[in-house]
Amino acid sequence: MTKLPPRVTLHESTAEILRRCYRYESPADVLARALRLLANADGHLDPAGRITTGPHTGRRT
């Protein structure tokens, strides 16, 4: 049996941003891109885009 991805409930303001700013893009694709950008900015991804392992030390400077 295939495990289904988690369901996400969007905050009203997030849903409005998706509707108004990204109306011609898939909401799932926009949210996936945003999550990758956030994880990269917070130092959770290595330069190749893989999740880093080990202790997290916070934002990269």
N, C-alpha and C. Protein backbone atom coordinates (compact mmCIF):
# COMPACT_ATOMS: atom_id res chain seq x y z
N MET A 1 0.83 -1.17 0.00
CA MET A 1 0.00 0.00 0.00
C MET A 1 0.89 1.25 0.00
N THR A 2 0.54 2.22 -0.83
CA THR A 2 1.30 3.46 -0.92
C THR A 2 0.86 4.42 0.17
N LYS A 3 1.83 4.98 0.85
CA LYS A 3 1.52 5.96 1.90
C LYS A 3 1.14 7.30 1.25
N LEU A 4 0.03 7.85 1.67
CA LEU A 4 -0.43 9.12 1.14
C LEU A 4 0.33 10.28 1.79
N PRO A 5 0.57 11.35 1.02
CA PRO A 5 1.23 12.51 1.62
C PRO A 5 0.31 13.16 2.65
N PRO A 6 0.89 13.87 3.62
CA PRO A 6 0.05 14.51 4.64
C PRO A 6 -0.82 15.60 4.04
N ARG A 7 -1.99 15.75 4.62
CA ARG A 7 -2.88 16.85 4.22
C ARG A 7 -2.45 18.09 4.96
N VAL A 8 -2.45 19.21 4.28
CA VAL A 8 -2.04 20.46 4.88
C VAL A 8 -3.22 21.43 4.84
N THR A 9 -3.51 22.04 5.96
CA THR A 9 -4.54 23.07 6.02
C THR A 9 -3.82 24.42 5.98
N LEU A 10 -4.17 25.22 5.00
CA LEU A 10 -3.50 26.50 4.83
C LEU A 10 -4.16 27.58 5.67
N HIS A 11 -3.35 28.46 6.19
CA HIS A 11 -3.86 29.66 6.84
C HIS A 11 -4.54 30.49 5.76
N GLU A 12 -5.55 31.21 6.12
CA GLU A 12 -6.32 31.99 5.15
C GLU A 12 -5.45 32.93 4.33
N SER A 13 -4.48 33.58 4.96
CA SER A 13 -3.62 34.52 4.23
C SER A 13 -2.72 33.77 3.24
N THR A 14 -2.29 32.56 3.59
CA THR A 14 -1.48 31.76 2.67
C THR A 14 -2.29 31.35 1.45
N ALA A 15 -3.51 30.94 1.68
CA ALA A 15 -4.40 30.56 0.58
C ALA A 15 -4.65 31.76 -0.34
N GLU A 16 -4.78 32.94 0.23
CA GLU A 16 -5.00 34.14 -0.59
C GLU A 16 -3.77 34.45 -1.44
N ILE A 17 -2.59 34.29 -0.88
CA ILE A 17 -1.37 34.50 -1.65
C ILE A 17 -1.32 33.53 -2.83
N LEU A 18 -1.64 32.27 -2.57
CA LEU A 18 -1.66 31.28 -3.66
C LEU A 18 -2.66 31.67 -4.74
N ARG A 19 -3.86 32.08 -4.32
CA ARG A 19 -4.91 32.43 -5.29
C ARG A 19 -4.53 33.67 -6.10
N ARG A 20 -3.99 34.68 -5.45
CA ARG A 20 -3.77 35.96 -6.12
C ARG A 20 -2.42 36.07 -6.83
N CYS A 21 -1.38 35.48 -6.26
CA CYS A 21 -0.04 35.66 -6.80
C CYS A 21 0.43 34.52 -7.69
N TYR A 22 -0.11 33.34 -7.48
CA TYR A 22 0.34 32.16 -8.23
C TYR A 22 -0.84 31.45 -8.88
N ARG A 23 -1.77 32.21 -9.41
CA ARG A 23 -3.03 31.65 -9.89
C ARG A 23 -2.88 30.66 -11.03
N TYR A 24 -1.80 30.72 -11.80
CA TYR A 24 -1.65 29.80 -12.93
C TYR A 24 -0.69 28.66 -12.62
N GLU A 25 -0.29 28.51 -11.36
CA GLU A 25 0.60 27.43 -10.95
C GLU A 25 -0.12 26.50 -9.99
N SER A 26 0.33 25.27 -9.97
CA SER A 26 -0.23 24.29 -9.04
C SER A 26 0.12 24.71 -7.62
N PRO A 27 -0.87 24.81 -6.71
CA PRO A 27 -0.56 25.15 -5.32
C PRO A 27 0.46 24.20 -4.70
N ALA A 28 0.37 22.92 -5.03
CA ALA A 28 1.33 21.95 -4.48
C ALA A 28 2.74 22.26 -4.95
N ASP A 29 2.89 22.64 -6.23
CA ASP A 29 4.22 22.98 -6.75
C ASP A 29 4.77 24.25 -6.11
N VAL A 30 3.92 25.25 -5.92
CA VAL A 30 4.34 26.50 -5.30
C VAL A 30 4.78 26.26 -3.86
N LEU A 31 3.99 25.49 -3.11
CA LEU A 31 4.33 25.20 -1.72
C LEU A 31 5.60 24.35 -1.61
N ALA A 32 5.79 23.40 -2.52
CA ALA A 32 7.01 22.59 -2.52
C ALA A 32 8.23 23.47 -2.78
N ARG A 33 8.12 24.37 -3.74
CA ARG A 33 9.23 25.30 -4.04
C ARG A 33 9.53 26.19 -2.85
N ALA A 34 8.49 26.69 -2.21
CA ALA A 34 8.67 27.56 -1.04
C ALA A 34 9.33 26.81 0.11
N LEU A 35 8.94 25.57 0.32
CA LEU A 35 9.53 24.78 1.40
C LEU A 35 11.00 24.50 1.13
N ARG A 36 11.34 24.19 -0.14
CA ARG A 36 12.75 23.97 -0.47
C ARG A 36 13.56 25.24 -0.26
N LEU A 37 13.03 26.40 -0.66
CA LEU A 37 13.72 27.67 -0.45
C LEU A 37 13.94 27.95 1.03
N LEU A 38 12.92 27.71 1.85
CA LEU A 38 13.03 27.93 3.29
C LEU A 38 14.04 26.98 3.92
N ALA A 39 13.97 25.70 3.55
CA ALA A 39 14.91 24.71 4.11
C ALA A 39 16.34 25.05 3.72
N ASN A 40 16.54 25.51 2.50
CA ASN A 40 17.87 25.90 2.06
C ASN A 40 18.36 27.12 2.84
N ALA A 41 17.51 28.12 2.99
CA ALA A 41 17.89 29.34 3.73
C ALA A 41 18.19 29.05 5.19
N ASP A 42 17.51 28.07 5.77
CA ASP A 42 17.72 27.72 7.17
C ASP A 42 18.87 26.73 7.37
N GLY A 43 19.53 26.32 6.28
CA GLY A 43 20.67 25.44 6.38
C GLY A 43 20.34 23.98 6.53
N HIS A 44 19.13 23.58 6.19
CA HIS A 44 18.73 22.18 6.31
C HIS A 44 19.08 21.36 5.07
N LEU A 45 19.55 22.02 4.00
CA LEU A 45 19.91 21.33 2.77
C LEU A 45 21.38 21.58 2.46
N ASP A 46 22.03 20.56 1.89
CA ASP A 46 23.42 20.75 1.47
C ASP A 46 23.39 21.41 0.09
N PRO A 47 24.55 21.77 -0.48
CA PRO A 47 24.57 22.45 -1.78
C PRO A 47 23.90 21.68 -2.91
N ALA A 48 23.82 20.34 -2.78
CA ALA A 48 23.16 19.53 -3.81
C ALA A 48 21.66 19.41 -3.58
N GLY A 49 21.14 20.01 -2.50
CA GLY A 49 19.71 19.96 -2.23
C GLY A 49 19.28 18.78 -1.39
N ARG A 50 20.25 18.04 -0.83
CA ARG A 50 19.91 16.90 0.03
C ARG A 50 19.77 17.38 1.47
N ILE A 51 18.90 16.72 2.22
CA ILE A 51 18.71 17.06 3.63
C ILE A 51 20.01 16.77 4.38
N THR A 52 20.46 17.74 5.17
CA THR A 52 21.68 17.55 5.93
C THR A 52 21.39 16.70 7.16
N THR A 53 22.40 15.99 7.60
CA THR A 53 22.26 15.16 8.79
C THR A 53 23.11 15.76 9.90
N GLY A 54 22.87 15.31 11.09
CA GLY A 54 23.63 15.81 12.23
C GLY A 54 22.94 16.98 12.87
N PRO A 55 23.56 17.53 13.90
CA PRO A 55 22.93 18.62 14.62
C PRO A 55 22.80 19.87 13.75
N HIS A 56 21.70 20.54 13.90
CA HIS A 56 21.44 21.77 13.16
C HIS A 56 21.89 22.95 14.02
N THR A 57 22.63 23.84 13.42
CA THR A 57 23.19 24.96 14.18
C THR A 57 22.51 26.27 13.90
N GLY A 58 21.41 26.26 13.20
CA GLY A 58 20.70 27.51 12.92
C GLY A 58 20.98 28.01 11.52
N ARG A 59 20.62 29.24 11.28
CA ARG A 59 20.78 29.84 9.95
C ARG A 59 22.24 29.95 9.56
N ARG A 60 22.47 29.80 8.27
CA ARG A 60 23.81 30.03 7.74
C ARG A 60 24.01 31.52 7.60
N THR A 61 25.22 31.96 7.78
CA THR A 61 25.52 33.40 7.63
C THR A 61 26.37 33.64 6.43
